Amino acid sequence: MGFAGQLSLGHSLYLGIGAYAAAALHYHFGVGPWAGLWFAVALCVCLSAVVGGLAFRYGISGVHFTLLTIAFAESARIGFDHFSWLGGSGGLFLKVAQRDQIDWVNLRGTPAMFYYVMLALAAGAFALSGWLMSSRAGYYWQAIRENEEAARALGIDTFRWKMFAMMISAALTSVGGVFLAFYYNHLFPEQIFHISRSIEIILGPIIGGMGTLFGPILGAALLMLLGEGATEVIGAYGWEIPGLKQLIYGIALWLVITLLPQGVWPPLARKLGVWK
């Protein structure tokens, strides 16, 4: 969505729906996570088409589009709080397996197994993003991001291509939700649909550089190093500061918006003479 210049603060919607879809199929019907993954992706793609259709058909953009995505995520949080079939506010709990045994079929195993699975998925998402960025779709999205009216005047179907961007983004986010559900084995609406989850998702791209290929990776790495590093340093002295990571995230965001409005990666890429 960054390629097309669309800022969403409601991606916890697709993370949560993807997680609950696969977890519910496994919990109630014994469907494996890999089969449930396809259902979760299809469901989130359809949901994103509804959100995008409402927004783009009526010309909702900018801050109003961002507010619309928040509204959908908050509606899901409130709705799932009262959805007893999925545990409601008490949460949905999956059967906890032994962490010393690796079961690829049912996605059960050690944290190291999940690490390598997610690493492979992240590499796949990166490769897909790189291919899309250099394809015709990528050029259309970048034209829409720079000047949507000019892109429309050149014959680009902006509605269609923004919808594609949103559906692909929702699909990839839902995959993360599925693996989050089977890693933690429990889901609470207040946690997974909360706006803080959406903010965590978007902070990396904003700090690294929205609409770039390497920017989100750099931004996420910087946030992780700063947040976890500060927590470890403070903890080594026996201190505890509530909300320390959130404070660091806020300072980092303020510095980037003030000093590097395009993000950290674009000026770094220009200095290194590499492709963004």
Protein backbone atom coordinates (compact mmCIF):
# COMPACT_ATOMS: atom_id res chain seq x y z
CA MET A 1 0.00 0.00 0.00
CA GLY A 2 2.99 2.26 0.50
CA PHE A 3 3.83 1.85 -3.19
CA ALA A 4 0.42 3.35 -3.96
CA GLY A 5 0.68 6.02 -1.27
CA GLN A 6 -2.12 4.63 0.94
CA LEU A 7 -1.62 4.94 4.71
CA SER A 8 -3.60 2.48 6.82
CA LEU A 9 -3.83 2.49 10.61
CA GLY A 10 -6.23 -0.44 10.65
CA HIS A 11 -4.14 -3.38 9.51
CA SER A 12 -4.75 -5.08 12.85
CA LEU A 13 -8.11 -5.91 11.22
CA TYR A 14 -6.47 -8.29 8.72
CA LEU A 15 -3.99 -9.58 11.29
CA GLY A 16 -6.83 -10.45 13.66
CA ILE A 17 -9.24 -11.84 11.08
CA GLY A 18 -6.49 -14.02 9.63
CA ALA A 19 -5.54 -15.28 13.08
CA TYR A 20 -9.10 -15.98 14.20
CA ALA A 21 -10.10 -17.62 10.90
CA ALA A 22 -7.33 -20.22 10.96
CA ALA A 23 -7.51 -20.71 14.73
CA ALA A 24 -11.29 -21.20 14.71
CA LEU A 25 -11.13 -23.79 11.93
CA HIS A 26 -8.46 -25.66 13.87
CA TYR A 27 -10.24 -25.36 17.22
CA HIS A 28 -13.76 -26.30 16.12
CA PHE A 29 -13.20 -28.55 13.10
CA GLY A 30 -9.62 -29.80 13.37
CA VAL A 31 -8.55 -28.11 10.12
CA GLY A 32 -4.77 -27.81 9.87
CA PRO A 33 -3.12 -24.37 9.84
CA TRP A 34 -1.84 -24.70 6.27
CA ALA A 35 -5.37 -25.32 4.96
CA GLY A 36 -6.77 -22.66 7.26
CA LEU A 37 -4.18 -20.24 5.91
CA TRP A 38 -5.84 -20.18 2.48
CA PHE A 39 -9.25 -19.54 4.00
CA ALA A 40 -7.81 -16.72 6.13
CA VAL A 41 -6.15 -15.11 3.12
CA ALA A 42 -9.33 -15.35 1.00
CA LEU A 43 -11.43 -13.89 3.82
CA CYS A 44 -9.09 -10.93 4.34
CA VAL A 45 -8.85 -10.25 0.61
CA CYS A 46 -12.66 -10.07 0.43
CA LEU A 47 -12.80 -7.85 3.52
CA SER A 48 -10.16 -5.49 2.13
CA ALA A 49 -12.16 -5.30 -1.10
CA VAL A 50 -15.15 -4.09 0.92
CA VAL A 51 -13.07 -1.48 2.78
CA GLY A 52 -11.28 -0.37 -0.37
CA GLY A 53 -14.47 -0.31 -2.40
CA LEU A 54 -16.16 1.97 0.10
CA ALA A 55 -13.14 4.27 0.32
CA PHE A 56 -11.98 4.52 -3.27
CA ARG A 57 -15.41 4.49 -4.90
CA TYR A 58 -16.40 7.59 -2.95
CA GLY A 59 -13.04 9.30 -3.23
CA ILE A 60 -12.03 8.91 0.42
CA SER A 61 -8.30 9.51 0.72
CA GLY A 62 -5.61 10.94 2.99
CA VAL A 63 -6.47 11.29 6.65
CA HIS A 64 -10.10 10.31 6.01
CA PHE A 65 -8.99 6.99 4.52
CA THR A 66 -6.75 6.42 7.55
CA LEU A 67 -9.67 7.11 9.90
CA LEU A 68 -11.86 4.69 7.94
CA THR A 69 -9.34 1.88 8.38
CA ILE A 70 -9.20 2.59 12.12
CA ALA A 71 -13.00 2.47 12.30
CA PHE A 72 -13.15 -0.98 10.70
CA ALA A 73 -10.47 -2.36 13.04
CA GLU A 74 -12.22 -0.92 16.11
CA SER A 75 -15.56 -2.33 14.93
CA ALA A 76 -13.97 -5.77 14.67
CA ARG A 77 -12.50 -5.44 18.17
CA ILE A 78 -15.89 -4.59 19.66
CA GLY A 79 -17.68 -7.25 17.62
CA PHE A 80 -15.30 -10.07 18.51
CA ASP A 81 -15.56 -9.12 22.19
CA HIS A 82 -19.17 -10.38 22.01
CA PHE A 83 -18.63 -13.30 19.63
CA SER A 84 -18.95 -16.25 22.02
CA TRP A 85 -18.24 -18.88 19.32
CA LEU A 86 -14.72 -17.46 19.16
CA GLY A 87 -14.33 -17.07 22.92
CA GLY A 88 -15.51 -13.48 23.18
CA SER A 89 -13.56 -11.22 25.51
CA GLY A 90 -12.34 -14.31 27.41
CA GLY A 91 -10.20 -15.29 24.44
CA LEU A 92 -9.79 -18.28 22.15
CA PHE A 93 -7.24 -20.85 23.32
CA LEU A 94 -5.62 -23.49 21.15
CA LYS A 95 -4.27 -26.71 22.54
CA VAL A 96 -0.67 -26.17 23.62
CA ALA A 97 1.71 -28.76 22.19
CA GLN A 98 5.08 -29.80 23.52
CA ARG A 99 7.62 -27.25 22.38
CA ASP A 100 10.44 -29.81 22.12
CA GLN A 101 8.68 -31.68 19.28
CA ILE A 102 8.48 -30.32 15.74
CA ASP A 103 5.28 -30.93 13.78
CA TRP A 104 5.32 -29.02 10.50
CA VAL A 105 1.87 -30.24 9.45
CA ASN A 106 0.09 -28.82 12.51
CA LEU A 107 2.58 -25.98 12.98
CA ARG A 108 3.71 -27.13 16.38
CA GLY A 109 7.27 -26.97 17.58
CA THR A 110 10.04 -24.95 19.13
CA PRO A 111 10.34 -21.15 18.89
CA ALA A 112 13.32 -21.74 16.57
CA MET A 113 11.03 -23.58 14.15
CA PHE A 114 8.65 -20.61 14.08
CA TYR A 115 11.59 -18.28 13.58
CA TYR A 116 12.73 -20.06 10.43
CA VAL A 117 9.19 -20.38 9.10
CA MET A 118 8.63 -16.64 9.52
CA LEU A 119 12.06 -15.87 8.11
CA ALA A 120 11.19 -17.83 4.98
CA LEU A 121 7.82 -16.07 4.71
CA ALA A 122 9.45 -12.66 5.17
CA ALA A 123 11.96 -13.47 2.43
CA GLY A 124 9.10 -14.54 0.19
CA ALA A 125 7.17 -11.33 0.90
CA PHE A 126 10.30 -9.28 0.20
CA ALA A 127 10.86 -11.06 -3.12
CA LEU A 128 7.20 -10.56 -4.07
CA SER A 129 7.41 -6.85 -3.18
CA GLY A 130 10.59 -6.48 -5.24
CA TRP A 131 8.98 -8.13 -8.24
CA LEU A 132 5.83 -6.01 -7.91
CA MET A 133 7.83 -2.81 -7.55
CA SER A 134 9.66 -3.40 -10.83
CA SER A 135 6.54 -4.60 -12.68
CA ARG A 136 3.92 -2.57 -14.53
CA ALA A 137 1.75 -2.65 -11.41
CA GLY A 138 4.58 -1.12 -9.39
CA TYR A 139 4.99 1.74 -11.85
CA TYR A 140 1.25 2.36 -11.83
CA TRP A 141 1.23 2.44 -8.02
CA GLN A 142 4.14 4.86 -7.89
CA ALA A 143 2.42 7.11 -10.45
CA ILE A 144 -0.73 7.10 -8.29
CA ARG A 145 1.33 7.91 -5.20
CA GLU A 146 3.06 10.87 -6.83
CA ASN A 147 -0.01 12.38 -8.53
CA GLU A 148 -3.26 10.45 -8.73
CA GLU A 149 -5.00 12.95 -11.01
CA ALA A 150 -2.12 12.90 -13.48
CA ALA A 151 -2.06 9.10 -13.40
CA ARG A 152 -5.78 9.01 -14.14
CA ALA A 153 -5.30 11.48 -17.00
CA LEU A 154 -2.71 9.12 -18.51
CA GLY A 155 -5.28 6.32 -18.62
CA ILE A 156 -4.40 4.42 -15.43
CA ASP A 157 -7.43 2.89 -13.72
CA THR A 158 -6.54 4.26 -10.27
CA PHE A 159 -9.50 2.60 -8.54
CA ARG A 160 -8.55 -0.83 -9.84
CA TRP A 161 -4.86 -0.57 -8.99
CA LYS A 162 -5.42 0.85 -5.52
CA MET A 163 -7.77 -2.04 -4.86
CA PHE A 164 -5.11 -4.50 -5.98
CA ALA A 165 -2.57 -2.88 -3.64
CA MET A 166 -4.95 -3.08 -0.71
CA MET A 167 -5.93 -6.70 -1.32
CA ILE A 168 -2.33 -7.87 -1.67
CA SER A 169 -1.39 -6.00 1.51
CA ALA A 170 -4.31 -7.56 3.40
CA ALA A 171 -3.39 -11.04 2.17
CA LEU A 172 0.20 -10.76 3.36
CA THR A 173 -0.90 -9.34 6.72
CA SER A 174 -3.34 -12.21 7.23
CA VAL A 175 -0.51 -14.73 6.78
CA GLY A 176 1.29 -13.08 9.68
CA GLY A 177 -1.89 -13.35 11.74
CA VAL A 178 -2.18 -17.10 11.15
CA PHE A 179 1.33 -17.76 12.39
CA LEU A 180 0.86 -15.40 15.32
CA ALA A 181 -2.16 -17.44 16.43
CA PHE A 182 -0.33 -20.77 16.31
CA TYR A 183 2.77 -19.39 17.98
CA TYR A 184 1.04 -17.85 21.01
CA ASN A 185 -1.88 -20.34 21.08
CA HIS A 186 -4.31 -17.72 22.39
CA LEU A 187 -6.20 -14.78 20.92
CA PHE A 188 -7.86 -11.85 22.68
CA PRO A 189 -9.80 -9.20 20.71
CA GLU A 190 -8.49 -6.41 22.93
CA GLN A 191 -4.93 -7.34 22.02
CA ILE A 192 -4.94 -8.37 18.39
CA PHE A 193 -7.40 -5.75 17.07
CA HIS A 194 -6.12 -2.89 19.22
CA ILE A 195 -4.91 0.23 17.42
CA SER A 196 -1.50 -0.17 19.06
CA ARG A 197 -1.05 -3.33 16.97
CA SER A 198 -1.74 -1.36 13.78
CA ILE A 199 0.70 1.33 14.90
CA GLU A 200 3.39 -1.31 15.46
CA ILE A 201 2.79 -2.61 11.93
CA ILE A 202 3.06 0.81 10.26
CA LEU A 203 5.88 2.32 12.36
CA GLY A 204 8.60 0.33 10.58
CA PRO A 205 7.62 1.52 7.08
CA ILE A 206 7.13 5.13 8.23
CA ILE A 207 10.53 5.33 9.93
CA GLY A 208 12.33 3.35 7.23
CA GLY A 209 10.54 4.96 4.30
CA MET A 210 7.05 4.21 2.99
CA GLY A 211 6.86 3.09 -0.60
CA THR A 212 10.43 1.76 -0.61
CA LEU A 213 11.61 -1.83 -0.73
CA PHE A 214 14.32 -1.85 1.95
CA GLY A 215 12.90 0.95 4.11
CA PRO A 216 10.41 -1.14 6.13
CA ILE A 217 13.10 -3.72 6.94
CA LEU A 218 15.51 -1.03 8.10
CA GLY A 219 12.79 0.74 10.08
CA ALA A 220 11.66 -2.44 11.83
CA ALA A 221 15.27 -3.35 12.66
CA LEU A 222 15.96 0.11 14.12
CA LEU A 223 12.81 0.03 16.24
CA MET A 224 13.58 -3.44 17.54
CA LEU A 225 17.19 -2.61 18.37
CA LEU A 226 16.28 0.66 20.10
CA GLY A 227 13.28 -0.68 22.00
CA GLU A 228 14.66 -4.03 23.11
CA GLY A 229 18.16 -2.64 23.61
CA ALA A 230 16.95 0.11 25.93
CA THR A 231 14.81 -2.38 27.86
CA GLU A 232 17.81 -4.68 28.35
CA VAL A 233 20.09 -1.83 29.45
CA ILE A 234 17.56 -0.48 31.92
CA GLY A 235 16.82 -3.97 33.19
CA ALA A 236 20.52 -4.65 33.77
CA TYR A 237 20.49 -1.91 36.41
CA GLY A 238 17.40 -3.33 38.05
CA TRP A 239 15.17 -0.47 36.89
CA GLU A 240 11.76 -0.73 35.32
CA ILE A 241 10.17 2.09 33.34
CA PRO A 242 6.57 1.35 32.25
CA GLY A 243 5.95 2.17 28.60
CA LEU A 244 9.66 2.62 27.82
CA LYS A 245 9.44 1.05 24.37
CA GLN A 246 6.43 3.15 23.41
CA LEU A 247 8.29 6.27 24.55
CA ILE A 248 11.30 5.33 22.41
CA TYR A 249 9.05 4.61 19.43
CA GLY A 250 7.45 8.03 19.83
CA ILE A 251 10.80 9.82 20.01
CA ALA A 252 12.08 7.91 16.98
CA LEU A 253 8.95 8.79 15.01
CA TRP A 254 9.21 12.47 15.98
CA LEU A 255 12.86 12.65 14.94
CA VAL A 256 12.22 10.99 11.59
CA ILE A 257 9.19 13.14 10.76
CA THR A 258 11.12 16.27 11.73
CA LEU A 259 14.52 15.51 10.18
CA LEU A 260 13.85 12.84 7.56
CA PRO A 261 10.22 13.12 6.41
CA GLN A 262 10.78 10.54 3.65
CA GLY A 263 12.23 8.04 6.12
CA VAL A 264 15.73 6.82 6.91
CA TRP A 265 16.30 4.67 3.83
CA PRO A 266 15.83 7.12 0.86
CA PRO A 267 18.69 9.51 1.82
CA LEU A 268 20.85 6.54 2.79
CA ALA A 269 20.12 4.87 -0.55
CA ARG A 270 21.10 8.04 -2.42
CA LYS A 271 24.41 8.22 -0.57
CA LEU A 272 25.12 4.54 -1.23
CA GLY A 273 24.00 4.84 -4.85
CA VAL A 274 21.72 1.80 -4.59
CA TRP A 275 18.19 1.03 -5.75
CA LYS A 276 15.47 1.95 -3.26
